C-alpha cells in the first residue's frame, strides 16, 4: 500500500498569469576560452504560467525574441545573431514549454523542452 501525503503550499494560488517582463529576466552566462565569463540577456520575451489545483498539473510556456540579445558589446551581439550562433534571420525566436511538473522532496521541479534553431 502506498501512502500519499498532500502538502499545502502557503500562499499558493491557482490561475493563469502572463510573465511580468518588467520584473523578470531571461539571462545567461557563458564561459569564454575557459578564462572569463560573458554575461548577457534577452530583453524581448513573453510567457504564461498556469497553476492548477494540483501543482503537478501546472504548466509554463515562454517565447524569447533572439534579436534582443544584449551582452553590452555590439560586435559580439551581432556575431551572436549571425548564422554562426543563433541565426536570428532564419530562427527569430526560442521557445520553452513545460512537459511535466514533479515533486523532488519538498521542491517542485519543472521539466520541459527548449527549442532553439527550429
N, C-alpha and C. Protein backbone atom coordinates (compact mmCIF):
# COMPACT_ATOMS: atom_id res chain seq x y z
N UNK A 1 0.83 -1.18 0.00
CA UNK A 1 0.00 0.00 0.00
C UNK A 1 0.88 1.24 0.00
N UNK A 2 0.55 2.22 -0.83
CA UNK A 2 1.28 3.47 -0.92
C UNK A 2 0.49 4.56 -0.22
N UNK A 3 1.17 5.33 0.61
CA UNK A 3 0.53 6.44 1.29
C UNK A 3 0.95 7.72 0.60
N UNK A 4 -0.02 8.54 0.20
CA UNK A 4 0.26 9.82 -0.44
C UNK A 4 -0.12 10.92 0.54
N UNK A 5 0.83 11.81 0.79
CA UNK A 5 0.57 12.92 1.69
C UNK A 5 0.48 14.20 0.86
N UNK A 6 -0.67 14.87 0.94
CA UNK A 6 -0.84 16.11 0.20
C UNK A 6 -0.32 17.25 1.06
N UNK A 7 0.53 18.07 0.48
CA UNK A 7 1.14 19.18 1.19
C UNK A 7 0.47 20.47 0.79
N UNK A 8 0.14 21.30 1.76
CA UNK A 8 -0.38 22.63 1.48
C UNK A 8 0.80 23.55 1.21
N UNK A 9 0.71 24.33 0.17
CA UNK A 9 1.75 25.30 -0.16
C UNK A 9 1.25 26.66 0.29
N UNK A 10 1.95 27.30 1.23
CA UNK A 10 1.49 28.61 1.71
C UNK A 10 1.38 29.62 0.58
N UNK A 11 0.30 30.36 0.54
CA UNK A 11 0.05 31.44 -0.42
C UNK A 11 -0.06 30.96 -1.87
N UNK A 12 -0.23 29.69 -2.08
CA UNK A 12 -0.37 29.14 -3.44
C UNK A 12 -1.73 29.52 -4.01
N UNK A 13 -1.73 30.05 -5.22
CA UNK A 13 -2.96 30.42 -5.91
C UNK A 13 -3.05 29.68 -7.23
N UNK A 14 -4.25 29.28 -7.59
CA UNK A 14 -4.44 28.70 -8.91
C UNK A 14 -4.86 29.81 -9.86
N UNK A 15 -4.49 29.65 -11.11
CA UNK A 15 -4.86 30.66 -12.10
C UNK A 15 -3.88 30.68 -13.25
N UNK A 16 -4.01 31.72 -14.06
CA UNK A 16 -3.18 31.88 -15.25
C UNK A 16 -2.60 33.29 -15.24
N UNK A 17 -1.28 33.38 -15.42
CA UNK A 17 -0.61 34.66 -15.37
C UNK A 17 0.36 34.82 -16.54
N UNK A 18 0.37 36.03 -17.10
CA UNK A 18 1.40 36.38 -18.07
C UNK A 18 2.66 36.75 -17.28
N UNK A 19 3.81 36.37 -17.80
CA UNK A 19 5.07 36.71 -17.15
C UNK A 19 5.24 38.22 -17.20
N UNK A 20 5.55 38.81 -16.06
CA UNK A 20 5.74 40.26 -15.93
C UNK A 20 7.15 40.59 -16.40
N UNK A 21 7.27 41.09 -17.63
CA UNK A 21 8.60 41.33 -18.20
C UNK A 21 9.33 42.49 -17.54
N UNK A 22 8.60 43.33 -16.82
CA UNK A 22 9.24 44.43 -16.10
C UNK A 22 10.02 43.92 -14.89
N UNK A 23 9.52 42.85 -14.28
CA UNK A 23 10.14 42.33 -13.07
C UNK A 23 10.76 40.95 -13.26
N UNK A 24 10.98 40.55 -14.51
CA UNK A 24 11.56 39.25 -14.82
C UNK A 24 12.74 39.44 -15.76
N UNK A 25 13.53 38.39 -15.92
CA UNK A 25 14.71 38.48 -16.78
C UNK A 25 15.00 37.13 -17.40
N UNK A 26 15.43 37.15 -18.66
CA UNK A 26 15.96 35.96 -19.33
C UNK A 26 17.44 36.27 -19.54
N UNK A 27 18.28 35.61 -18.77
CA UNK A 27 19.71 35.92 -18.78
C UNK A 27 20.54 34.65 -18.92
N UNK A 28 21.81 34.82 -19.28
CA UNK A 28 22.71 33.68 -19.44
C UNK A 28 24.13 34.09 -19.07
N UNK A 29 24.92 33.08 -18.79
CA UNK A 29 26.36 33.24 -18.57
C UNK A 29 27.05 32.16 -19.39
N UNK A 30 28.07 32.55 -20.16
CA UNK A 30 28.83 31.60 -20.96
C UNK A 30 30.32 31.78 -20.68
N UNK A 31 31.03 30.69 -20.65
CA UNK A 31 32.49 30.75 -20.48
C UNK A 31 33.14 31.09 -21.81
N UNK A 32 34.12 31.98 -21.77
CA UNK A 32 34.87 32.36 -22.96
C UNK A 32 36.31 31.89 -22.78
N UNK A 33 36.73 30.95 -23.64
CA UNK A 33 38.08 30.38 -23.59
C UNK A 33 38.43 29.82 -22.21
N UNK A 34 37.42 29.40 -21.46
CA UNK A 34 37.59 28.82 -20.13
C UNK A 34 38.32 29.77 -19.17
N UNK A 35 38.38 31.04 -19.50
CA UNK A 35 39.09 32.02 -18.68
C UNK A 35 38.12 33.02 -18.06
N UNK A 36 37.24 33.54 -18.88
CA UNK A 36 36.32 34.57 -18.38
C UNK A 36 34.88 34.17 -18.66
N UNK A 37 33.97 34.89 -18.04
CA UNK A 37 32.55 34.66 -18.26
C UNK A 37 31.96 35.83 -19.00
N UNK A 38 31.09 35.52 -19.94
CA UNK A 38 30.34 36.53 -20.67
C UNK A 38 28.90 36.43 -20.18
N UNK A 39 28.39 37.56 -19.73
CA UNK A 39 27.01 37.59 -19.27
C UNK A 39 26.16 38.36 -20.28
N UNK A 40 24.94 37.91 -20.44
CA UNK A 40 24.04 38.58 -21.36
C UNK A 40 22.61 38.33 -20.98
N UNK A 41 21.73 38.95 -21.74
CA UNK A 41 20.30 38.77 -21.50
C UNK A 41 19.54 39.03 -22.79
N UNK A 42 18.29 38.63 -22.78
CA UNK A 42 17.37 38.90 -23.87
C UNK A 42 16.32 39.85 -23.32
N UNK A 43 16.13 40.98 -23.99
CA UNK A 43 15.20 41.98 -23.48
C UNK A 43 13.78 41.79 -23.99
N UNK A 44 13.60 40.96 -25.01
CA UNK A 44 12.27 40.71 -25.55
C UNK A 44 11.82 39.29 -25.28
N UNK A 45 10.80 39.14 -24.46
CA UNK A 45 10.28 37.80 -24.17
C UNK A 45 8.85 37.92 -23.64
N UNK A 46 8.15 36.81 -23.69
CA UNK A 46 6.80 36.75 -23.15
C UNK A 46 6.56 35.32 -22.68
N UNK A 47 5.55 35.15 -21.87
CA UNK A 47 5.24 33.81 -21.40
C UNK A 47 4.02 33.78 -20.53
N UNK A 48 3.62 32.57 -20.19
CA UNK A 48 2.43 32.36 -19.38
C UNK A 48 2.68 31.20 -18.42
N UNK A 49 2.23 31.38 -17.20
CA UNK A 49 2.29 30.34 -16.18
C UNK A 49 0.86 30.02 -15.76
N UNK A 50 0.53 28.74 -15.76
CA UNK A 50 -0.79 28.30 -15.34
C UNK A 50 -0.59 27.38 -14.14
N UNK A 51 -1.17 27.76 -13.01
CA UNK A 51 -1.08 26.93 -11.81
C UNK A 51 -2.41 26.24 -11.59
N UNK A 52 -2.35 24.94 -11.37
CA UNK A 52 -3.54 24.11 -11.20
C UNK A 52 -3.74 23.79 -9.72
N UNK A 53 -4.93 23.34 -9.39
CA UNK A 53 -5.25 22.93 -8.02
C UNK A 53 -4.21 21.91 -7.53
N UNK A 54 -3.89 20.95 -8.40
CA UNK A 54 -2.79 20.01 -8.15
C UNK A 54 -1.56 20.62 -8.82
N UNK A 55 -0.57 21.08 -8.04
CA UNK A 55 0.59 21.75 -8.63
C UNK A 55 1.28 20.97 -9.75
N UNK A 56 1.22 19.64 -9.71
CA UNK A 56 1.88 18.84 -10.74
C UNK A 56 1.14 18.88 -12.08
N UNK A 57 -0.02 19.51 -12.11
CA UNK A 57 -0.78 19.69 -13.36
C UNK A 57 -0.59 21.10 -13.91
N UNK A 58 0.33 21.87 -13.35
CA UNK A 58 0.60 23.23 -13.78
C UNK A 58 1.46 23.22 -15.04
N UNK A 59 1.60 24.41 -15.68
CA UNK A 59 2.39 24.48 -16.91
C UNK A 59 3.03 25.85 -17.09
N UNK A 60 4.06 25.87 -17.93
CA UNK A 60 4.78 27.11 -18.25
C UNK A 60 5.05 27.11 -19.75
N UNK A 61 4.89 28.28 -20.38
CA UNK A 61 5.27 28.48 -21.77
C UNK A 61 5.96 29.83 -21.87
N UNK A 62 7.00 29.91 -22.70
CA UNK A 62 7.70 31.18 -22.89
C UNK A 62 8.29 31.25 -24.29
N UNK A 63 8.38 32.46 -24.82
CA UNK A 63 9.00 32.73 -26.12
C UNK A 63 9.98 33.87 -25.95
N UNK A 64 11.16 33.73 -26.55
CA UNK A 64 12.20 34.75 -26.45
C UNK A 64 12.53 35.26 -27.85
N UNK A 65 12.56 36.57 -27.99
CA UNK A 65 12.95 37.23 -29.25
C UNK A 65 14.48 37.27 -29.29
N UNK A 66 15.07 36.42 -30.11
CA UNK A 66 16.53 36.27 -30.12
C UNK A 66 17.26 37.50 -30.64
N UNK A 67 16.59 38.34 -31.41
CA UNK A 67 17.23 39.56 -31.90
C UNK A 67 17.53 40.54 -30.77
N UNK A 68 16.94 40.31 -29.59
CA UNK A 68 17.13 41.23 -28.47
C UNK A 68 18.30 40.83 -27.56
N UNK A 69 19.16 39.94 -28.03
CA UNK A 69 20.31 39.54 -27.22
C UNK A 69 21.17 40.77 -26.91
N UNK A 70 21.64 40.86 -25.67
CA UNK A 70 22.43 42.01 -25.26
C UNK A 70 23.51 41.56 -24.28
N UNK A 71 24.77 41.66 -24.72
CA UNK A 71 25.91 41.33 -23.85
C UNK A 71 26.73 42.58 -23.53
N UNK A 72 26.18 43.74 -23.88
CA UNK A 72 26.86 45.04 -23.70
C UNK A 72 28.07 45.20 -24.61
N UNK A 73 28.08 44.46 -25.72
CA UNK A 73 29.14 44.58 -26.71
C UNK A 73 28.48 44.41 -28.08
N UNK A 74 28.33 45.50 -28.82
CA UNK A 74 27.59 45.49 -30.10
C UNK A 74 28.17 44.50 -31.11
N UNK A 75 29.50 44.41 -31.21
CA UNK A 75 30.11 43.48 -32.17
C UNK A 75 29.80 42.03 -31.78
N UNK A 76 29.93 41.71 -30.51
CA UNK A 76 29.65 40.35 -30.05
C UNK A 76 28.17 40.02 -30.25
N UNK A 77 27.29 40.98 -29.96
CA UNK A 77 25.85 40.75 -30.13
C UNK A 77 25.52 40.47 -31.59
N UNK A 78 26.13 41.22 -32.50
CA UNK A 78 25.91 40.99 -33.94
C UNK A 78 26.39 39.60 -34.33
N UNK A 79 27.53 39.17 -33.78
CA UNK A 79 28.04 37.83 -34.08
C UNK A 79 27.10 36.76 -33.52
N UNK A 80 26.58 36.97 -32.32
CA UNK A 80 25.64 36.01 -31.74
C UNK A 80 24.37 35.89 -32.58
N UNK A 81 23.92 36.99 -33.19
CA UNK A 81 22.71 36.97 -34.03
C UNK A 81 22.96 36.29 -35.38
N UNK A 82 24.21 36.16 -35.78
CA UNK A 82 24.56 35.62 -37.09
C UNK A 82 24.30 34.12 -37.18
N UNK A 83 24.48 33.58 -38.39
CA UNK A 83 24.29 32.14 -38.62
C UNK A 83 25.32 31.30 -37.86
N UNK A 84 26.42 31.90 -37.40
CA UNK A 84 27.40 31.16 -36.61
C UNK A 84 26.83 30.68 -35.28
N UNK A 85 25.85 31.41 -34.76
CA UNK A 85 25.28 31.07 -33.45
C UNK A 85 23.76 30.93 -33.52
N UNK A 86 23.03 32.02 -33.27
CA UNK A 86 21.57 31.95 -33.16
C UNK A 86 20.85 31.93 -34.51
N UNK A 87 21.46 32.46 -35.55
CA UNK A 87 20.85 32.53 -36.88
C UNK A 87 19.45 33.16 -36.80
N UNK A 88 19.42 34.36 -36.25
CA UNK A 88 18.17 35.08 -36.00
C UNK A 88 17.35 35.31 -37.26
N UNK A 89 18.02 35.47 -38.40
CA UNK A 89 17.30 35.70 -39.65
C UNK A 89 16.40 34.51 -39.98
N UNK A 90 16.88 33.31 -39.78
CA UNK A 90 16.09 32.09 -40.07
C UNK A 90 15.25 31.64 -38.89
N UNK A 91 15.75 31.85 -37.67
CA UNK A 91 15.08 31.38 -36.44
C UNK A 91 14.96 32.54 -35.45
N UNK A 92 13.96 33.38 -35.60
CA UNK A 92 13.88 34.59 -34.79
C UNK A 92 13.53 34.38 -33.32
N UNK A 93 13.01 33.21 -32.97
CA UNK A 93 12.62 33.00 -31.57
C UNK A 93 13.14 31.69 -31.02
N UNK A 94 13.19 31.65 -29.71
CA UNK A 94 13.48 30.45 -28.94
C UNK A 94 12.24 30.24 -28.07
N UNK A 95 11.85 29.00 -27.85
CA UNK A 95 10.66 28.78 -27.03
C UNK A 95 10.92 27.69 -25.99
N UNK A 96 10.13 27.78 -24.93
CA UNK A 96 10.18 26.78 -23.86
C UNK A 96 8.75 26.40 -23.52
N UNK A 97 8.53 25.11 -23.31
CA UNK A 97 7.24 24.66 -22.81
C UNK A 97 7.49 23.52 -21.83
N UNK A 98 6.78 23.58 -20.73
CA UNK A 98 6.94 22.54 -19.74
C UNK A 98 6.31 21.25 -20.23
N UNK A 99 6.91 20.13 -19.83
CA UNK A 99 6.36 18.82 -20.17
C UNK A 99 5.88 18.10 -18.92
N UNK A 100 6.33 18.56 -17.76
CA UNK A 100 5.91 17.94 -16.50
C UNK A 100 6.31 18.84 -15.34
N UNK A 101 5.54 18.74 -14.28
CA UNK A 101 5.89 19.37 -13.01
C UNK A 101 5.86 18.24 -11.99
N UNK A 102 6.95 18.10 -11.23
CA UNK A 102 7.04 16.96 -10.31
C UNK A 102 7.66 17.38 -8.99
N UNK A 103 7.33 16.62 -7.97
CA UNK A 103 7.92 16.84 -6.66
C UNK A 103 9.30 16.20 -6.60
N UNK A 104 10.24 16.88 -5.99
CA UNK A 104 11.57 16.35 -5.67
C UNK A 104 11.80 16.70 -4.21
N UNK A 105 11.40 15.81 -3.32
CA UNK A 105 11.42 16.14 -1.89
C UNK A 105 10.39 17.21 -1.61
N UNK A 106 10.81 18.30 -1.04
CA UNK A 106 9.91 19.42 -0.75
C UNK A 106 9.83 20.43 -1.89
N UNK A 107 10.61 20.21 -2.95
CA UNK A 107 10.68 21.16 -4.07
C UNK A 107 9.85 20.68 -5.25
N UNK A 108 9.36 21.63 -6.02
CA UNK A 108 8.72 21.32 -7.30
C UNK A 108 9.74 21.57 -8.40
N UNK A 109 9.85 20.64 -9.34
CA UNK A 109 10.77 20.75 -10.47
C UNK A 109 9.93 20.81 -11.74
N UNK A 110 10.27 21.75 -12.61
CA UNK A 110 9.57 21.88 -13.89
C UNK A 110 10.49 21.32 -14.98
N UNK A 111 10.06 20.25 -15.62
CA UNK A 111 10.77 19.68 -16.76
C UNK A 111 10.18 20.29 -18.02
N UNK A 112 11.00 20.42 -19.08
CA UNK A 112 10.44 20.99 -20.29
C UNK A 112 11.34 20.86 -21.49
N UNK A 113 10.87 21.43 -22.59
CA UNK A 113 11.58 21.38 -23.87
C UNK A 113 11.93 22.80 -24.29
N UNK A 114 13.21 23.02 -24.56
CA UNK A 114 13.69 24.29 -25.08
C UNK A 114 13.95 24.11 -26.57
N UNK A 115 13.33 24.94 -27.40
CA UNK A 115 13.50 24.83 -28.84
C UNK A 115 14.30 26.03 -29.33
N UNK A 116 15.44 25.75 -29.94
CA UNK A 116 16.35 26.76 -30.45
C UNK A 116 16.79 26.34 -31.84
N UNK A 117 16.77 27.26 -32.80
CA UNK A 117 17.11 26.96 -34.19
C UNK A 117 16.24 25.84 -34.74
N UNK A 118 14.94 25.97 -34.51
CA UNK A 118 13.98 25.02 -35.05
C UNK A 118 13.89 23.77 -34.21
